[in-house]
Amino acid sequence: MITVFIEYKLLDGRRTQYAAQIAAIKRETEARGGRGYRWYEGVEQPNLFVETFDVDTLEQYEAIKAWRLGDAAFAENIAGGTAKLHIWAFRPLAAGIQE
């Protein structure tokens, strides 16, 4: 299992456009293999959003990442555009970290 985090800062005045897109993004993420989709806004940093979900394979992660980074309409809502759309993948570790 791989957990994906997507983080970005929304431009001021873009919440309406963003809200219209995010439901479709959730559906498409799930269609591409994303499970347990969650969406957060920063409590102390309004307009800072994090999406998170799980995928089974690195290939699913890479495909979703490429799709999101290629979504020009979504990037119009992000402060700094695609360059500031941060996408990371994490895997769980056992109880200890080994060198």
PDB file of N, CA and C in Angstrom:
ATOM      1  N   MET A   1       0.840  -1.187   0.000  1.00  0.00           N
ATOM      2  CA  MET A   1       0.000   0.000   0.000  1.00  0.00           C
ATOM      3  C   MET A   1       0.881   1.245   0.000  1.00  0.00           C
ATOM      4  N   ILE A   2       0.462   2.227  -0.760  1.00  0.00           N
ATOM      5  CA  ILE A   2       1.138   3.519  -0.851  1.00  0.00           C
ATOM      6  C   ILE A   2       0.118   4.594  -0.479  1.00  0.00           C
ATOM      7  N   THR A   3       0.500   5.506   0.402  1.00  0.00           N
ATOM      8  CA  THR A   3      -0.356   6.637   0.757  1.00  0.00           C
ATOM      9  C   THR A   3       0.145   7.864   0.017  1.00  0.00           C
ATOM     10  N   VAL A   4      -0.776   8.544  -0.640  1.00  0.00           N
ATOM     11  CA  VAL A   4      -0.458   9.712  -1.460  1.00  0.00           C
ATOM     12  C   VAL A   4      -0.957  10.967  -0.751  1.00  0.00           C
ATOM     13  N   PHE A   5      -0.108  11.998  -0.756  1.00  0.00           N
ATOM     14  CA  PHE A   5      -0.469  13.317  -0.240  1.00  0.00           C
ATOM     15  C   PHE A   5      -0.310  14.322  -1.366  1.00  0.00           C
ATOM     16  N   ILE A   6      -1.321  15.162  -1.550  1.00  0.00           N
ATOM     17  CA  ILE A   6      -1.272  16.239  -2.537  1.00  0.00           C
ATOM     18  C   ILE A   6      -1.541  17.535  -1.784  1.00  0.00           C
ATOM     19  N   GLU A   7      -0.618  18.478  -1.878  1.00  0.00           N
ATOM     20  CA  GLU A   7      -0.702  19.722  -1.094  1.00  0.00           C
ATOM     21  C   GLU A   7      -0.552  20.921  -2.019  1.00  0.00           C
ATOM     22  N   TYR A   8      -1.355  21.957  -1.748  1.00  0.00           N
ATOM     23  CA  TYR A   8      -1.319  23.170  -2.568  1.00  0.00           C
ATOM     24  C   TYR A   8      -2.021  24.306  -1.835  1.00  0.00           C
ATOM     25  N   LYS A   9      -1.721  25.513  -2.269  1.00  0.00           N
ATOM     26  CA  LYS A   9      -2.340  26.736  -1.733  1.00  0.00           C
ATOM     27  C   LYS A   9      -3.262  27.288  -2.810  1.00  0.00           C
ATOM     28  N   LEU A  10      -4.508  27.482  -2.451  1.00  0.00           N
ATOM     29  CA  LEU A  10      -5.501  28.020  -3.365  1.00  0.00           C
ATOM     30  C   LEU A  10      -5.335  29.530  -3.492  1.00  0.00           C
ATOM     31  N   LEU A  11      -5.470  30.036  -4.706  1.00  0.00           N
ATOM     32  CA  LEU A  11      -5.445  31.483  -4.910  1.00  0.00           C
ATOM     33  C   LEU A  11      -6.659  32.126  -4.240  1.00  0.00           C
ATOM     34  N   ASP A  12      -6.490  33.313  -3.694  1.00  0.00           N
ATOM     35  CA  ASP A  12      -7.620  34.052  -3.138  1.00  0.00           C
ATOM     36  C   ASP A  12      -8.668  34.258  -4.227  1.00  0.00           C
ATOM     37  N   GLY A  13      -9.924  34.115  -3.855  1.00  0.00           N
ATOM     38  CA  GLY A  13     -11.017  34.348  -4.788  1.00  0.00           C
ATOM     39  C   GLY A  13     -11.311  33.187  -5.728  1.00  0.00           C
ATOM     40  N   ARG A  14     -10.703  32.023  -5.519  1.00  0.00           N
ATOM     41  CA  ARG A  14     -10.893  30.887  -6.432  1.00  0.00           C
ATOM     42  C   ARG A  14     -11.678  29.731  -5.813  1.00  0.00           C
ATOM     43  N   ARG A  15     -12.266  29.940  -4.644  1.00  0.00           N
ATOM     44  CA  ARG A  15     -12.958  28.840  -3.962  1.00  0.00           C
ATOM     45  C   ARG A  15     -14.143  28.305  -4.768  1.00  0.00           C
ATOM     46  N   THR A  16     -14.886  29.162  -5.435  1.00  0.00           N
ATOM     47  CA  THR A  16     -16.047  28.712  -6.206  1.00  0.00           C
ATOM     48  C   THR A  16     -15.614  27.805  -7.348  1.00  0.00           C
ATOM     49  N   GLN A  17     -14.610  28.228  -8.105  1.00  0.00           N
ATOM     50  CA  GLN A  17     -14.111  27.418  -9.216  1.00  0.00           C
ATOM     51  C   GLN A  17     -13.537  26.098  -8.699  1.00  0.00           C
ATOM     52  N   TYR A  18     -12.795  26.196  -7.615  1.00  0.00           N
ATOM     53  CA  TYR A  18     -12.168  25.030  -7.002  1.00  0.00           C
ATOM     54  C   TYR A  18     -13.224  24.033  -6.529  1.00  0.00           C
ATOM     55  N   ALA A  19     -14.238  24.517  -5.837  1.00  0.00           N
ATOM     56  CA  ALA A  19     -15.292  23.641  -5.323  1.00  0.00           C
ATOM     57  C   ALA A  19     -15.999  22.907  -6.456  1.00  0.00           C
ATOM     58  N   ALA A  20     -16.143  23.560  -7.588  1.00  0.00           N
ATOM     59  CA  ALA A  20     -16.780  22.928  -8.738  1.00  0.00           C
ATOM     60  C   ALA A  20     -15.927  21.788  -9.298  1.00  0.00           C
ATOM     61  N   GLN A  21     -14.619  21.841  -9.111  1.00  0.00           N
ATOM     62  CA  GLN A  21     -13.714  20.829  -9.666  1.00  0.00           C
ATOM     63  C   GLN A  21     -13.422  19.678  -8.706  1.00  0.00           C
ATOM     64  N   ILE A  22     -13.422  19.920  -7.418  1.00  0.00           N
ATOM     65  CA  ILE A  22     -12.892  18.931  -6.478  1.00  0.00           C
ATOM     66  C   ILE A  22     -13.739  17.659  -6.405  1.00  0.00           C
ATOM     67  N   ALA A  23     -15.047  17.747  -6.560  1.00  0.00           N
ATOM     68  CA  ALA A  23     -15.878  16.536  -6.537  1.00  0.00           C
ATOM     69  C   ALA A  23     -15.535  15.625  -7.712  1.00  0.00           C
ATOM     70  N   ALA A  24     -15.324  16.216  -8.877  1.00  0.00           N
ATOM     71  CA  ALA A  24     -14.938  15.422 -10.051  1.00  0.00           C
ATOM     72  C   ALA A  24     -13.545  14.828  -9.875  1.00  0.00           C
ATOM     73  N   ILE A  25     -12.656  15.567  -9.243  1.00  0.00           N
ATOM     74  CA  ILE A  25     -11.303  15.057  -8.984  1.00  0.00           C
ATOM     75  C   ILE A  25     -11.369  13.844  -8.061  1.00  0.00           C
ATOM     76  N   LYS A  26     -12.191  13.913  -7.035  1.00  0.00           N
ATOM     77  CA  LYS A  26     -12.353  12.771  -6.126  1.00  0.00           C
ATOM     78  C   LYS A  26     -12.846  11.545  -6.888  1.00  0.00           C
ATOM     79  N   ARG A  27     -13.877  11.709  -7.705  1.00  0.00           N
ATOM     80  CA  ARG A  27     -14.416  10.584  -8.477  1.00  0.00           C
ATOM     81  C   ARG A  27     -13.361   9.999  -9.414  1.00  0.00           C
ATOM     82  N   GLU A  28     -12.632  10.860 -10.106  1.00  0.00           N
ATOM     83  CA  GLU A  28     -11.616  10.390 -11.053  1.00  0.00           C
ATOM     84  C   GLU A  28     -10.458   9.713 -10.329  1.00  0.00           C
ATOM     85  N   THR A  29     -10.078  10.226  -9.170  1.00  0.00           N
ATOM     86  CA  THR A  29      -9.030   9.586  -8.367  1.00  0.00           C
ATOM     87  C   THR A  29      -9.455   8.173  -7.997  1.00  0.00           C
ATOM     88  N   GLU A  30     -10.694   8.015  -7.575  1.00  0.00           N
ATOM     89  CA  GLU A  30     -11.208   6.692  -7.220  1.00  0.00           C
ATOM     90  C   GLU A  30     -11.267   5.782  -8.440  1.00  0.00           C
ATOM     91  N   ALA A  31     -11.655   6.318  -9.590  1.00  0.00           N
ATOM     92  CA  ALA A  31     -11.698   5.524 -10.819  1.00  0.00           C
ATOM     93  C   ALA A  31     -10.301   5.052 -11.237  1.00  0.00           C
ATOM     94  N   ARG A  32      -9.275   5.798 -10.842  1.00  0.00           N
ATOM     95  CA  ARG A  32      -7.892   5.445 -11.178  1.00  0.00           C
ATOM     96  C   ARG A  32      -7.228   4.593 -10.096  1.00  0.00           C
ATOM     97  N   GLY A  33      -8.000   4.144  -9.119  1.00  0.00           N
ATOM     98  CA  GLY A  33      -7.482   3.227  -8.112  1.00  0.00           C
ATOM     99  C   GLY A  33      -7.258   3.819  -6.737  1.00  0.00           C
ATOM    100  N   GLY A  34      -7.523   5.114  -6.555  1.00  0.00           N
ATOM    101  CA  GLY A  34      -7.371   5.737  -5.240  1.00  0.00           C
ATOM    102  C   GLY A  34      -8.479   5.287  -4.294  1.00  0.00           C
ATOM    103  N   ARG A  35      -8.115   4.973  -3.064  1.00  0.00           N
ATOM    104  CA  ARG A  35      -9.086   4.529  -2.060  1.00  0.00           C
ATOM    105  C   ARG A  35      -8.975   5.397  -0.811  1.00  0.00           C
ATOM    106  N   GLY A  36     -10.108   5.559  -0.126  1.00  0.00           N
ATOM    107  CA  GLY A  36     -10.098   6.291   1.141  1.00  0.00           C
ATOM    108  C   GLY A  36      -9.752   7.757   0.965  1.00  0.00           C
ATOM    109  N   TYR A  37     -10.253   8.362  -0.098  1.00  0.00           N
ATOM    110  CA  TYR A  37      -9.950   9.763  -0.394  1.00  0.00           C
ATOM    111  C   TYR A  37     -10.396  10.665   0.753  1.00  0.00           C
ATOM    112  N   ARG A  38      -9.496  11.529   1.202  1.00  0.00           N
ATOM    113  CA  ARG A  38      -9.793  12.512   2.249  1.00  0.00           C
ATOM    114  C   ARG A  38      -9.257  13.864   1.794  1.00  0.00           C
ATOM    115  N   TRP A  39      -9.887  14.918   2.292  1.00  0.00           N
ATOM    116  CA  TRP A  39      -9.580  16.265   1.826  1.00  0.00           C
ATOM    117  C   TRP A  39      -9.596  17.186   3.031  1.00  0.00           C
ATOM    118  N   TYR A  40      -8.535  17.961   3.201  1.00  0.00           N
ATOM    119  CA  TYR A  40      -8.381  18.806   4.384  1.00  0.00           C
ATOM    120  C   TYR A  40      -8.029  20.237   3.991  1.00  0.00           C
ATOM    121  N   GLU A  41      -8.452  21.174   4.847  1.00  0.00           N
ATOM    122  CA  GLU A  41      -8.004  22.567   4.729  1.00  0.00           C
ATOM    123  C   GLU A  41      -7.282  22.936   6.016  1.00  0.00           C
ATOM    124  N   GLY A  42      -6.194  23.663   5.879  1.00  0.00           N
ATOM    125  CA  GLY A  42      -5.421  24.080   7.041  1.00  0.00           C
ATOM    126  C   GLY A  42      -6.241  24.948   7.985  1.00  0.00           C
ATOM    127  N   VAL A  43      -6.211  24.631   9.259  1.00  0.00           N
ATOM    128  CA  VAL A  43      -6.931  25.400  10.273  1.00  0.00           C
ATOM    129  C   VAL A  43      -6.258  26.756  10.465  1.00  0.00           C
ATOM    130  N   GLU A  44      -4.947  26.756  10.534  1.00  0.00           N
ATOM    131  CA  GLU A  44      -4.197  27.992  10.755  1.00  0.00           C
ATOM    132  C   GLU A  44      -3.748  28.648   9.454  1.00  0.00           C
ATOM    133  N   GLN A  45      -3.967  27.960   8.337  1.00  0.00           N
ATOM    134  CA  GLN A  45      -3.579  28.503   7.037  1.00  0.00           C
ATOM    135  C   GLN A  45      -4.737  28.332   6.058  1.00  0.00           C
ATOM    136  N   PRO A  46      -5.713  29.223   6.090  1.00  0.00           N
ATOM    137  CA  PRO A  46      -6.829  29.115   5.153  1.00  0.00           C
ATOM    138  C   PRO A  46      -6.319  29.048   3.713  1.00  0.00           C
ATOM    139  N   ASN A  47      -7.025  28.299   2.912  1.00  0.00           N
ATOM    140  CA  ASN A  47      -6.711  28.077   1.499  1.00  0.00           C
ATOM    141  C   ASN A  47      -5.527  27.144   1.276  1.00  0.00           C
ATOM    142  N   LEU A  48      -4.972  26.549   2.326  1.00  0.00           N
ATOM    143  CA  LEU A  48      -3.960  25.505   2.171  1.00  0.00           C
ATOM    144  C   LEU A  48      -4.691  24.167   2.265  1.00  0.00           C
ATOM    145  N   PHE A  49      -4.612  23.373   1.205  1.00  0.00           N
ATOM    146  CA  PHE A  49      -5.351  22.120   1.137  1.00  0.00           C
ATOM    147  C   PHE A  49      -4.412  20.936   1.012  1.00  0.00           C
ATOM    148  N   VAL A  50      -4.851  19.824   1.582  1.00  0.00           N
ATOM    149  CA  VAL A  50      -4.163  18.547   1.440  1.00  0.00           C
ATOM    150  C   VAL A  50      -5.214  17.500   1.088  1.00  0.00           C
ATOM    151  N   GLU A  51      -4.931  16.755   0.041  1.00  0.00           N
ATOM    152  CA  GLU A  51      -5.728  15.589  -0.308  1.00  0.00           C
ATOM    153  C   GLU A  51      -4.881  14.367   0.032  1.00  0.00           C
ATOM    154  N   THR A  52      -5.513  13.308   0.476  1.00  0.00           N
ATOM    155  CA  THR A  52      -4.785  12.079   0.756  1.00  0.00           C
ATOM    156  C   THR A  52      -5.653  10.879   0.397  1.00  0.00           C
ATOM    157  N   PHE A  53      -5.001   9.832  -0.065  1.00  0.00           N
ATOM    158  CA  PHE A  53      -5.673   8.589  -0.435  1.00  0.00           C
ATOM    159  C   PHE A  53      -4.612   7.506  -0.564  1.00  0.00           C
ATOM    160  N   ASP A  54      -5.061   6.272  -0.673  1.00  0.00           N
ATOM    161  CA  ASP A  54      -4.158   5.135  -0.819  1.00  0.00           C
ATOM    162  C   ASP A  54      -4.289   4.539  -2.211  1.00  0.00           C
ATOM    163  N   VAL A  55      -3.201   3.977  -2.705  1.00  0.00           N
ATOM    164  CA  VAL A  55      -3.189   3.189  -3.937  1.00  0.00           C
ATOM    165  C   VAL A  55      -2.430   1.895  -3.658  1.00  0.00           C
ATOM    166  N   ASP A  56      -2.631   0.924  -4.518  1.00  0.00           N
ATOM    167  CA  ASP A  56      -1.974  -0.369  -4.329  1.00  0.00           C
ATOM    168  C   ASP A  56      -0.576  -0.423  -4.932  1.00  0.00           C
ATOM    169  N   THR A  57      -0.366   0.317  -6.023  1.00  0.00           N
ATOM    170  CA  THR A  57       0.895   0.163  -6.748  1.00  0.00           C
ATOM    171  C   THR A  57       1.549   1.506  -7.054  1.00  0.00           C
ATOM    172  N   LEU A  58       2.839   1.453  -7.266  1.00  0.00           N
ATOM    173  CA  LEU A  58       3.580   2.638  -7.680  1.00  0.00           C
ATOM    174  C   LEU A  58       3.094   3.119  -9.047  1.00  0.00           C
ATOM    175  N   GLU A  59       2.697   2.201  -9.901  1.00  0.00           N
ATOM    176  CA  GLU A  59       2.182   2.569 -11.224  1.00  0.00           C
ATOM    177  C   GLU A  59       0.902   3.393 -11.108  1.00  0.00           C
ATOM    178  N   GLN A  60       0.010   3.012 -10.197  1.00  0.00           N
ATOM    179  CA  GLN A  60      -1.210   3.802  -9.985  1.00  0.00           C
ATOM    180  C   GLN A  60      -0.848   5.203  -9.502  1.00  0.00           C
ATOM    181  N   TYR A  61       0.066   5.282  -8.552  1.00  0.00           N
ATOM    182  CA  TYR A  61       0.517   6.581  -8.047  1.00  0.00           C
ATOM    183  C   TYR A  61       1.072   7.438  -9.175  1.00  0.00           C
ATOM    184  N   GLU A  62       1.959   6.878  -9.975  1.00  0.00           N
ATOM    185  CA  GLU A  62       2.587   7.645 -11.054  1.00  0.00           C
ATOM    186  C   GLU A  62       1.567   8.113 -12.079  1.00  0.00           C
ATOM    187  N   ALA A  63       0.570   7.277 -12.382  1.00  0.00           N
ATOM    188  CA  ALA A  63      -0.473   7.666 -13.332  1.00  0.00           C
ATOM    189  C   ALA A  63      -1.332   8.800 -12.773  1.00  0.00           C
ATOM    190  N   ILE A  64      -1.706   8.708 -11.508  1.00  0.00           N
ATOM    191  CA  ILE A  64      -2.500   9.774 -10.887  1.00  0.00           C
ATOM    192  C   ILE A  64      -1.684  11.058 -10.811  1.00  0.00           C
ATOM    193  N   LYS A  65      -0.428  10.950 -10.451  1.00  0.00           N
ATOM    194  CA  LYS A  65       0.442  12.129 -10.376  1.00  0.00           C
ATOM    195  C   LYS A  65       0.544  12.812 -11.738  1.00  0.00           C
ATOM    196  N   ALA A  66       0.769  12.045 -12.793  1.00  0.00           N
ATOM    197  CA  ALA A  66       0.869  12.618 -14.143  1.00  0.00           C
ATOM    198  C   ALA A  66      -0.441  13.295 -14.546  1.00  0.00           C
ATOM    199  N   TRP A  67      -1.558  12.661 -14.241  1.00  0.00           N
ATOM    200  CA  TRP A  67      -2.862  13.247 -14.555  1.00  0.00           C
ATOM    201  C   TRP A  67      -3.052  14.572 -13.827  1.00  0.00           C
ATOM    202  N   ARG A  68      -2.765  14.598 -12.519  1.00  0.00           N
ATOM    203  CA  ARG A  68      -2.968  15.818 -11.737  1.00  0.00           C
ATOM    204  C   ARG A  68      -2.037  16.936 -12.197  1.00  0.00           C
ATOM    205  N   LEU A  69      -0.783  16.610 -12.470  1.00  0.00           N
ATOM    206  CA  LEU A  69       0.162  17.642 -12.915  1.00  0.00           C
ATOM    207  C   LEU A  69      -0.167  18.149 -14.318  1.00  0.00           C
ATOM    208  N   GLY A  70      -0.917  17.375 -15.084  1.00  0.00           N
ATOM    209  CA  GLY A  70      -1.317  17.788 -16.424  1.00  0.00           C
ATOM    210  C   GLY A  70      -2.656  18.498 -16.481  1.00  0.00           C
ATOM    211  N   ASP A  71      -3.307  18.681 -15.353  1.00  0.00           N
ATOM    212  CA  ASP A  71      -4.639  19.296 -15.297  1.00  0.00           C
ATOM    213  C   ASP A  71      -4.506  20.817 -15.243  1.00  0.00           C
ATOM    214  N   ALA A  72      -4.428  21.433 -16.423  1.00  0.00           N
ATOM    215  CA  ALA A  72      -4.210  22.881 -16.517  1.00  0.00           C
ATOM    216  C   ALA A  72      -5.362  23.675 -15.906  1.00  0.00           C
ATOM    217  N   ALA A  73      -6.595  23.208 -16.063  1.00  0.00           N
ATOM    218  CA  ALA A  73      -7.749  23.931 -15.509  1.00  0.00           C
ATOM    219  C   ALA A  73      -7.672  23.979 -13.985  1.00  0.00           C
ATOM    220  N   PHE A  74      -7.258  22.879 -13.362  1.00  0.00           N
ATOM    221  CA  PHE A  74      -7.118  22.867 -11.908  1.00  0.00           C
ATOM    222  C   PHE A  74      -5.968  23.769 -11.477  1.00  0.00           C
ATOM    223  N   ALA A  75      -4.863  23.716 -12.192  1.00  0.00           N
ATOM    224  CA  ALA A  75      -3.667  24.494 -11.835  1.00  0.00           C
ATOM    225  C   ALA A  75      -3.936  25.997 -11.839  1.00  0.00           C
ATOM    226  N   GLU A  76      -4.939  26.449 -12.582  1.00  0.00           N
ATOM    227  CA  GLU A  76      -5.291  27.874 -12.598  1.00  0.00           C
ATOM    228  C   GLU A  76      -5.746  28.364 -11.223  1.00  0.00           C
ATOM    229  N   ASN A  77      -6.162  27.457 -10.363  1.00  0.00           N
ATOM    230  CA  ASN A  77      -6.624  27.812  -9.019  1.00  0.00           C
ATOM    231  C   ASN A  77      -5.507  27.841  -7.986  1.00  0.00           C
ATOM    232  N   ILE A  78      -4.336  27.341  -8.336  1.00  0.00           N
ATOM    233  CA  ILE A  78      -3.244  27.131  -7.389  1.00  0.00           C
ATOM    234  C   ILE A  78      -2.262  28.299  -7.428  1.00  0.00           C
ATOM    235  N   ALA A  79      -1.917  28.822  -6.266  1.00  0.00           N
ATOM    236  CA  ALA A  79      -0.885  29.861  -6.186  1.00  0.00           C
ATOM    237  C   ALA A  79       0.432  29.249  -6.672  1.00  0.00           C
ATOM    238  N   GLY A  80       0.964  29.769  -7.752  1.00  0.00           N
ATOM    239  CA  GLY A  80       2.193  29.226  -8.326  1.00  0.00           C
ATOM    240  C   GLY A  80       1.959  28.170  -9.385  1.00  0.00           C
ATOM    241  N   GLY A  81       0.694  27.832  -9.657  1.00  0.00           N
ATOM    242  CA  GLY A  81       0.372  26.863 -10.700  1.00  0.00           C
ATOM    243  C   GLY A  81       0.905  25.468 -10.399  1.00  0.00           C
ATOM    244  N   THR A  82       1.110  24.709 -11.450  1.00  0.00           N
ATOM    245  CA  THR A  82       1.543  23.317 -11.318  1.00  0.00           C
ATOM    246  C   THR A  82       2.840  23.174 -10.530  1.00  0.00           C
ATOM    247  N   ALA A  83       3.721  24.149 -10.628  1.00  0.00           N
ATOM    248  CA  ALA A  83       5.003  24.078  -9.905  1.00  0.00           C
ATOM    249  C   ALA A  83       4.797  24.013  -8.395  1.00  0.00           C
ATOM    250  N   LYS A  84       3.647  24.471  -7.921  1.00  0.00           N
ATOM    251  CA  LYS A  84       3.363  24.464  -6.480  1.00  0.00           C
ATOM    252  C   LYS A  84       2.307  23.425  -6.099  1.00  0.00           C
ATOM    253  N   LEU A  85       2.028  22.517  -7.012  1.00  0.00           N
ATOM    254  CA  LEU A  85       1.156  21.381  -6.718  1.00  0.00           C
ATOM    255  C   LEU A  85       2.073  20.234  -6.293  1.00  0.00           C
ATOM    256  N   HIS A  86       2.184  20.018  -4.998  1.00  0.00           N
ATOM    257  CA  HIS A  86       3.137  19.054  -4.443  1.00  0.00           C
ATOM    258  C   HIS A  86       2.452  17.704  -4.254  1.00  0.00           C
ATOM    259  N   ILE A  87       3.060  16.667  -4.819  1.00  0.00           N
ATOM    260  CA  ILE A  87       2.487  15.325  -4.761  1.00  0.00           C
ATOM    261  C   ILE A  87       3.571  14.370  -4.269  1.00  0.00           C
ATOM    262  N   TRP A  88       3.256  13.658  -3.181  1.00  0.00           N
ATOM    263  CA  TRP A  88       4.224  12.745  -2.570  1.00  0.00           C
ATOM    264  C   TRP A  88       3.581  11.389  -2.317  1.00  0.00           C
ATOM    265  N   ALA A  89       4.412  10.346  -2.363  1.00  0.00           N
ATOM    266  CA  ALA A  89       3.977   8.988  -2.037  1.00  0.00           C
ATOM    267  C   ALA A  89       4.790   8.482  -0.851  1.00  0.00           C
ATOM    268  N   PHE A  90       4.109   7.821   0.078  1.00  0.00           N
ATOM    269  CA  PHE A  90       4.754   7.264   1.264  1.00  0.00           C
ATOM    270  C   PHE A  90       4.334   5.809   1.429  1.00  0.00           C
ATOM    271  N   ARG A  91       5.250   5.014   1.943  1.00  0.00           N
ATOM    272  CA  ARG A  91       4.937   3.616   2.264  1.00  0.00           C
ATOM    273  C   ARG A  91       5.062   3.432   3.777  1.00  0.00           C
ATOM    274  N   PRO A  92       4.284   2.515   4.333  1.00  0.00           N
ATOM    275  CA  PRO A  92       4.397   2.281   5.775  1.00  0.00           C
ATOM    276  C   PRO A  92       5.716   1.584   6.108  1.00  0.00           C
ATOM    277  N   LEU A  93       6.217   1.841   7.293  1.00  0.00           N
ATOM    278  CA  LEU A  93       7.431   1.198   7.785  1.00  0.00           C
ATOM    279  C   LEU A  93       7.084   0.252   8.919  1.00  0.00           C
ATOM    280  N   ALA A  94       7.951  -0.706   9.129  1.00  0.00           N
ATOM    281  CA  ALA A  94       7.805  -1.596  10.278  1.00  0.00           C
ATOM    282  C   ALA A  94       8.085  -0.788  11.544  1.00  0.00           C
ATOM    283  N   ALA A  95       8.010  -1.412  12.670  1.00  0.00           N
ATOM    284  CA  ALA A  95       8.167  -0.729  13.956  1.00  0.00           C
ATOM    285  C   ALA A  95       9.480   0.028  14.073  1.00  0.00           C
ATOM    286  N   GLY A  96      10.532  -0.446  13.448  1.00  0.00           N
ATOM    287  CA  GLY A  96      11.827   0.226  13.560  1.00  0.00           C
ATOM    288  C   GLY A  96      12.336   0.677  12.207  1.00  0.00           C
ATOM    289  N   ILE A  97      13.165   1.688  12.226  1.00  0.00           N
ATOM    290  CA  ILE A  97      13.810   2.170  11.007  1.00  0.00           C
ATOM    291  C   ILE A  97      15.225   1.628  11.008  1.00  0.00           C
ATOM    292  N   GLN A  98      15.605   1.046   9.898  1.00  0.00           N
ATOM    293  CA  GLN A  98      16.944   0.481   9.806  1.00  0.00           C
ATOM    294  C   GLN A  98      17.793   1.320   8.873  1.00  0.00           C
ATOM    295  N   GLU A  99      19.070   1.415   9.210  1.00  0.00           N
ATOM    296  CA  GLU A  99      20.031   2.167   8.391  1.00  0.00           C
ATOM    297  C   GLU A  99      20.305   1.429   7.108  1.00  0.00           C
TER     298      GLU A  99
END
